[in-house]
């Protein structure tokens, strides 16, 4: 990322965090996130990668004819994305923080001209005090709906923008060992893969496997990744202050 006046954090929010494990986007959780971003922006620039479009569609509309195959999920995402952005915009408007939406696909990240445009647009938003909110363009790309819940996208965007830290907000206190204790610091990713179960939340499509894939992308780009508990009130701020357990995956050399 072009040189900015403060370090940059990229925070990825999954559906399970935004819904608090229910089937609806939680306005209270969005308010909690907005409170945290206000505090974080005192010393950092903040970028958000947010899932939740499909959950937003189901929240606002009764869609008896739409189910769970990929085409139907694409339709739900197309319906839900404006609702999701409205909720996010309203939450941050209370704190006088304007929001800019960026919808991306993996194809965008594969084109050099598109990569340059993404980089320039997000940098300009940050310079002007606007909070970039990025989501996968689910209406044209199906892979993320099936596998990653935007985890991989967050890793790719973090690497593209050369952010200072990637924070993956999860429904756990990081990666657990066999005794269900949080693994605090990780240098070699191979040392924790054996602890990973391919479990996913009922709301999200990701899991710890996809989070480690994102962390590996970031690590290879020289970026540190934190996996923190989004169910915890002010979970990111508490992690920053060393008040809660979380997993810290160190940047590569």
Protein backbone atom coordinates (compact mmCIF):
# COMPACT_ATOMS: atom_id res chain seq x y z
CA UNK A 1 0.00 0.00 0.00
CA UNK A 2 1.17 3.52 -0.71
CA UNK A 3 2.69 5.16 2.32
CA UNK A 4 0.00 6.35 4.71
CA UNK A 5 0.32 8.31 7.92
CA UNK A 6 -0.74 5.37 10.15
CA UNK A 7 -0.44 1.56 10.10
CA UNK A 8 -3.26 -0.28 8.33
CA UNK A 9 -5.39 -3.08 9.76
CA UNK A 10 -7.54 -5.33 7.59
CA UNK A 11 -10.35 -6.89 9.64
CA UNK A 12 -12.34 -9.78 8.22
CA UNK A 13 -15.85 -10.30 9.63
CA UNK A 14 -17.62 -13.59 8.98
CA UNK A 15 -21.31 -14.30 8.88
CA UNK A 16 -21.27 -16.10 12.23
CA UNK A 17 -19.82 -12.99 13.88
CA UNK A 18 -22.28 -10.59 12.27
CA UNK A 19 -25.27 -12.78 13.17
CA UNK A 20 -23.98 -13.77 16.62
CA UNK A 21 -24.73 -17.35 15.64
CA UNK A 22 -28.37 -16.65 14.75
CA UNK A 23 -30.04 -16.42 11.33
CA UNK A 24 -30.14 -12.60 11.31
CA UNK A 25 -27.59 -9.81 11.15
CA UNK A 26 -27.17 -8.41 14.66
CA UNK A 27 -27.49 -4.64 14.87
CA UNK A 28 -25.97 -4.81 18.34
CA UNK A 29 -22.89 -6.59 16.97
CA UNK A 30 -22.57 -4.01 14.18
CA UNK A 31 -22.69 -1.29 16.82
CA UNK A 32 -20.00 -3.11 18.80
CA UNK A 33 -17.85 -3.32 15.67
CA UNK A 34 -18.39 0.37 14.93
CA UNK A 35 -17.35 1.30 18.49
CA UNK A 36 -14.16 -0.71 18.04
CA UNK A 37 -13.35 0.81 14.66
CA UNK A 38 -13.72 4.30 16.13
CA UNK A 39 -11.10 3.40 18.75
CA UNK A 40 -8.82 1.63 16.29
CA UNK A 41 -8.87 4.53 13.86
CA UNK A 42 -7.17 6.75 16.43
CA UNK A 43 -3.89 4.98 15.67
CA UNK A 44 -4.62 2.93 12.53
CA UNK A 45 -6.29 2.99 9.17
CA UNK A 46 -8.96 0.27 9.04
CA UNK A 47 -10.27 -1.81 6.13
CA UNK A 48 -13.13 -4.28 6.59
CA UNK A 49 -13.80 -7.43 4.58
CA UNK A 50 -17.36 -8.42 5.41
CA UNK A 51 -19.48 -11.46 4.69
CA UNK A 52 -23.21 -11.61 5.46
CA UNK A 53 -25.04 -10.74 2.22
CA UNK A 54 -26.93 -14.03 2.13
CA UNK A 55 -27.91 -13.74 5.80
CA UNK A 56 -29.12 -10.19 5.16
CA UNK A 57 -31.35 -11.37 2.31
CA UNK A 58 -32.93 -14.04 4.48
CA UNK A 59 -33.45 -11.46 7.22
CA UNK A 60 -35.40 -8.97 5.16
CA UNK A 61 -37.31 -11.17 2.74
CA UNK A 62 -39.26 -14.39 2.87
CA UNK A 63 -37.81 -16.37 -0.01
CA UNK A 64 -39.63 -19.67 -0.11
CA UNK A 65 -38.43 -20.53 -3.61
CA UNK A 66 -34.74 -19.89 -2.95
CA UNK A 67 -32.69 -22.58 -1.26
CA UNK A 68 -29.11 -23.72 -0.91
CA UNK A 69 -27.67 -24.53 -4.32
CA UNK A 70 -25.07 -22.18 -5.76
CA UNK A 71 -27.36 -20.37 -8.21
CA UNK A 72 -29.92 -19.73 -5.50
CA UNK A 73 -27.21 -18.48 -3.13
CA UNK A 74 -26.00 -16.10 -5.83
CA UNK A 75 -29.53 -14.71 -6.08
CA UNK A 76 -29.68 -14.35 -2.30
CA UNK A 77 -26.34 -12.52 -2.31
CA UNK A 78 -27.57 -10.12 -5.01
CA UNK A 79 -30.67 -9.35 -2.93
CA UNK A 80 -28.88 -9.18 0.40
CA UNK A 81 -25.81 -7.08 -0.43
CA UNK A 82 -27.68 -3.73 -0.52
CA UNK A 83 -29.42 -4.61 2.76
CA UNK A 84 -26.10 -5.55 4.37
CA UNK A 85 -24.46 -2.31 3.27
CA UNK A 86 -27.42 -0.33 4.54
CA UNK A 87 -27.02 -1.89 7.99
CA UNK A 88 -23.27 -1.30 7.99
CA UNK A 89 -23.63 2.28 6.74
CA UNK A 90 -26.23 3.06 9.41
CA UNK A 91 -24.05 1.62 12.16
CA UNK A 92 -21.06 3.76 11.18
CA UNK A 93 -23.10 6.85 10.36
CA UNK A 94 -23.87 7.17 14.09
CA UNK A 95 -20.12 7.78 14.55
CA UNK A 96 -19.78 10.11 11.52
CA UNK A 97 -17.73 7.52 9.62
CA UNK A 98 -18.58 7.36 5.89
CA UNK A 99 -18.42 3.95 4.21
CA UNK A 100 -17.28 2.98 0.71
CA UNK A 101 -18.30 -0.37 -0.79
CA UNK A 102 -15.88 -2.46 -2.87
CA UNK A 103 -17.12 -5.69 -4.49
CA UNK A 104 -14.31 -7.93 -5.72
CA UNK A 105 -13.83 -11.31 -7.32
CA UNK A 106 -10.74 -13.45 -7.71
CA UNK A 107 -10.67 -12.48 -11.39
CA UNK A 108 -10.20 -8.86 -10.32
CA UNK A 109 -7.19 -9.85 -8.26
CA UNK A 110 -5.70 -11.76 -11.18
CA UNK A 111 -5.53 -8.78 -13.51
CA UNK A 112 -2.63 -6.36 -13.07
CA UNK A 113 -4.70 -3.36 -14.17
CA UNK A 114 -7.54 -4.32 -11.82
CA UNK A 115 -5.09 -4.85 -8.96
CA UNK A 116 -3.71 -1.37 -9.52
CA UNK A 117 -7.21 0.12 -9.61
CA UNK A 118 -8.20 -1.68 -6.39
CA UNK A 119 -5.03 -0.51 -4.67
CA UNK A 120 -5.50 3.11 -5.77
CA UNK A 121 -9.21 3.23 -4.90
CA UNK A 122 -8.83 1.82 -1.39
CA UNK A 123 -5.81 4.00 -0.68
CA UNK A 124 -7.78 7.07 -1.75
CA UNK A 125 -10.71 6.09 0.47
CA UNK A 126 -8.39 5.76 3.47
CA UNK A 127 -6.68 9.07 2.78
CA UNK A 128 -10.09 10.75 2.88
CA UNK A 129 -11.25 9.14 6.10
CA UNK A 130 -13.68 6.75 4.41
CA UNK A 131 -14.00 3.18 5.68
CA UNK A 132 -13.58 0.66 2.84
CA UNK A 133 -15.94 -2.32 3.20
CA UNK A 134 -15.02 -5.15 0.85
CA UNK A 135 -17.11 -8.19 -0.04
CA UNK A 136 -16.82 -10.99 -2.55
CA UNK A 137 -18.91 -10.34 -5.65
CA UNK A 138 -20.95 -13.50 -5.06
CA UNK A 139 -23.26 -12.90 -8.02
CA UNK A 140 -20.41 -13.57 -10.45
CA UNK A 141 -18.10 -15.85 -8.43
CA UNK A 142 -19.20 -19.10 -6.79
CA UNK A 143 -16.01 -20.39 -5.17
CA UNK A 144 -16.23 -18.16 -2.10
CA UNK A 145 -19.84 -19.16 -1.38
CA UNK A 146 -18.79 -22.79 -1.32
CA UNK A 147 -15.48 -22.69 0.47
CA UNK A 148 -14.12 -19.61 2.14
CA UNK A 149 -16.61 -17.12 3.57
CA UNK A 150 -14.24 -14.38 2.38
CA UNK A 151 -11.25 -15.69 4.36
CA UNK A 152 -9.11 -16.28 1.28
CA UNK A 153 -10.25 -12.98 -0.19
CA UNK A 154 -9.09 -11.17 2.95
CA UNK A 155 -5.66 -12.78 2.69
CA UNK A 156 -5.33 -11.85 -0.98
CA UNK A 157 -6.44 -8.26 -0.37
CA UNK A 158 -4.11 -7.94 2.63
CA UNK A 159 -1.22 -9.08 0.44
CA UNK A 160 -2.20 -6.78 -2.42
CA UNK A 161 -2.45 -3.73 -0.17
CA UNK A 162 0.55 -4.70 1.97
CA UNK A 163 -1.38 -3.95 5.16
CA UNK A 164 0.38 -4.05 8.51
CA UNK A 165 -1.88 -6.67 10.08
CA UNK A 166 -4.67 -9.06 9.07
CA UNK A 167 -7.26 -9.74 11.79
CA UNK A 168 -9.60 -12.68 11.18
CA UNK A 169 -12.60 -12.40 13.47
CA UNK A 170 -13.83 -15.89 14.32
CA UNK A 171 -16.19 -17.59 16.77
CA UNK A 172 -13.29 -19.04 18.77
CA UNK A 173 -10.36 -17.65 20.76
CA UNK A 174 -8.00 -18.58 17.94
CA UNK A 175 -6.62 -22.03 17.12
CA UNK A 176 -7.04 -24.64 19.86
CA UNK A 177 -4.71 -27.52 20.65
CA UNK A 178 -5.95 -31.00 21.58
CA UNK A 179 -6.65 -29.81 25.13
CA UNK A 180 -8.81 -26.95 23.83
CA UNK A 181 -6.21 -24.38 24.85
CA UNK A 182 -5.49 -21.44 22.57
CA UNK A 183 -2.22 -21.68 20.68
CA UNK A 184 -0.83 -18.21 21.30
CA UNK A 185 2.00 -17.68 18.82
CA UNK A 186 2.72 -19.50 15.58
CA UNK A 187 5.77 -19.18 13.38
CA UNK A 188 5.64 -22.39 11.35
CA UNK A 189 2.13 -23.09 10.04
CA UNK A 190 2.89 -26.80 9.78
CA UNK A 191 3.05 -26.97 13.57
CA UNK A 192 -0.67 -26.24 13.96
CA UNK A 193 -2.30 -27.92 10.96
CA UNK A 194 -2.74 -31.20 12.86
CA UNK A 195 -5.00 -29.43 15.36
CA UNK A 196 -7.42 -28.16 12.72
CA UNK A 197 -10.82 -29.71 12.24
CA UNK A 198 -12.71 -28.81 9.08
CA UNK A 199 -15.74 -27.64 11.08
CA UNK A 200 -17.82 -24.70 9.93
CA UNK A 201 -20.43 -22.62 11.70
CA UNK A 202 -24.08 -23.03 10.76
CA UNK A 203 -24.16 -19.51 9.30
CA UNK A 204 -20.76 -19.18 7.63
CA UNK A 205 -19.19 -21.18 4.84
CA UNK A 206 -15.64 -20.90 6.09
CA UNK A 207 -13.89 -22.60 8.96
CA UNK A 208 -10.46 -22.69 10.56
CA UNK A 209 -9.01 -24.39 7.47
CA UNK A 210 -9.86 -21.39 5.30
CA UNK A 211 -8.56 -19.01 7.97
CA UNK A 212 -5.20 -20.73 7.96
CA UNK A 213 -5.15 -20.52 4.17
CA UNK A 214 -5.69 -16.76 4.46
CA UNK A 215 -3.01 -16.52 7.15
CA UNK A 216 -0.58 -18.41 4.95
CA UNK A 217 -1.17 -15.99 2.07
CA UNK A 218 -0.55 -13.09 4.45
CA UNK A 219 2.51 -14.73 6.00
CA UNK A 220 4.09 -15.21 2.60
CA UNK A 221 3.52 -11.50 1.97
CA UNK A 222 5.26 -10.59 5.25
CA UNK A 223 2.03 -9.80 7.11
CA UNK A 224 1.13 -10.91 10.62
CA UNK A 225 -2.31 -12.50 11.16
CA UNK A 226 -4.40 -12.60 14.34
CA UNK A 227 -7.38 -14.93 14.84
CA UNK A 228 -9.63 -13.38 17.50
CA UNK A 229 -13.04 -14.11 18.97
CA UNK A 230 -15.75 -11.90 17.51
CA UNK A 231 -18.36 -13.18 19.95
CA UNK A 232 -16.47 -11.42 22.70
CA UNK A 233 -17.65 -7.85 23.29
CA UNK A 234 -14.94 -5.52 21.94
CA UNK A 235 -12.99 -8.65 21.03
CA UNK A 236 -10.51 -6.97 18.67
CA UNK A 237 -9.76 -4.17 21.12
CA UNK A 238 -9.28 -6.67 23.94
CA UNK A 239 -6.87 -8.65 21.78
CA UNK A 240 -4.95 -5.46 21.00
CA UNK A 241 -4.73 -4.81 24.73
CA UNK A 242 -3.70 -8.36 25.60
CA UNK A 243 -6.89 -8.91 27.61
CA UNK A 244 -8.12 -12.05 25.85
CA UNK A 245 -6.63 -15.17 24.30
CA UNK A 246 -6.05 -15.23 20.54
CA UNK A 247 -3.74 -16.84 18.01
CA UNK A 248 -0.98 -14.74 16.49
CA UNK A 249 0.58 -16.06 13.28
CA UNK A 250 3.86 -14.29 12.72
CA UNK A 251 4.83 -12.70 9.42
CA UNK A 252 7.16 -14.54 7.11
CA UNK A 253 10.75 -13.44 6.66
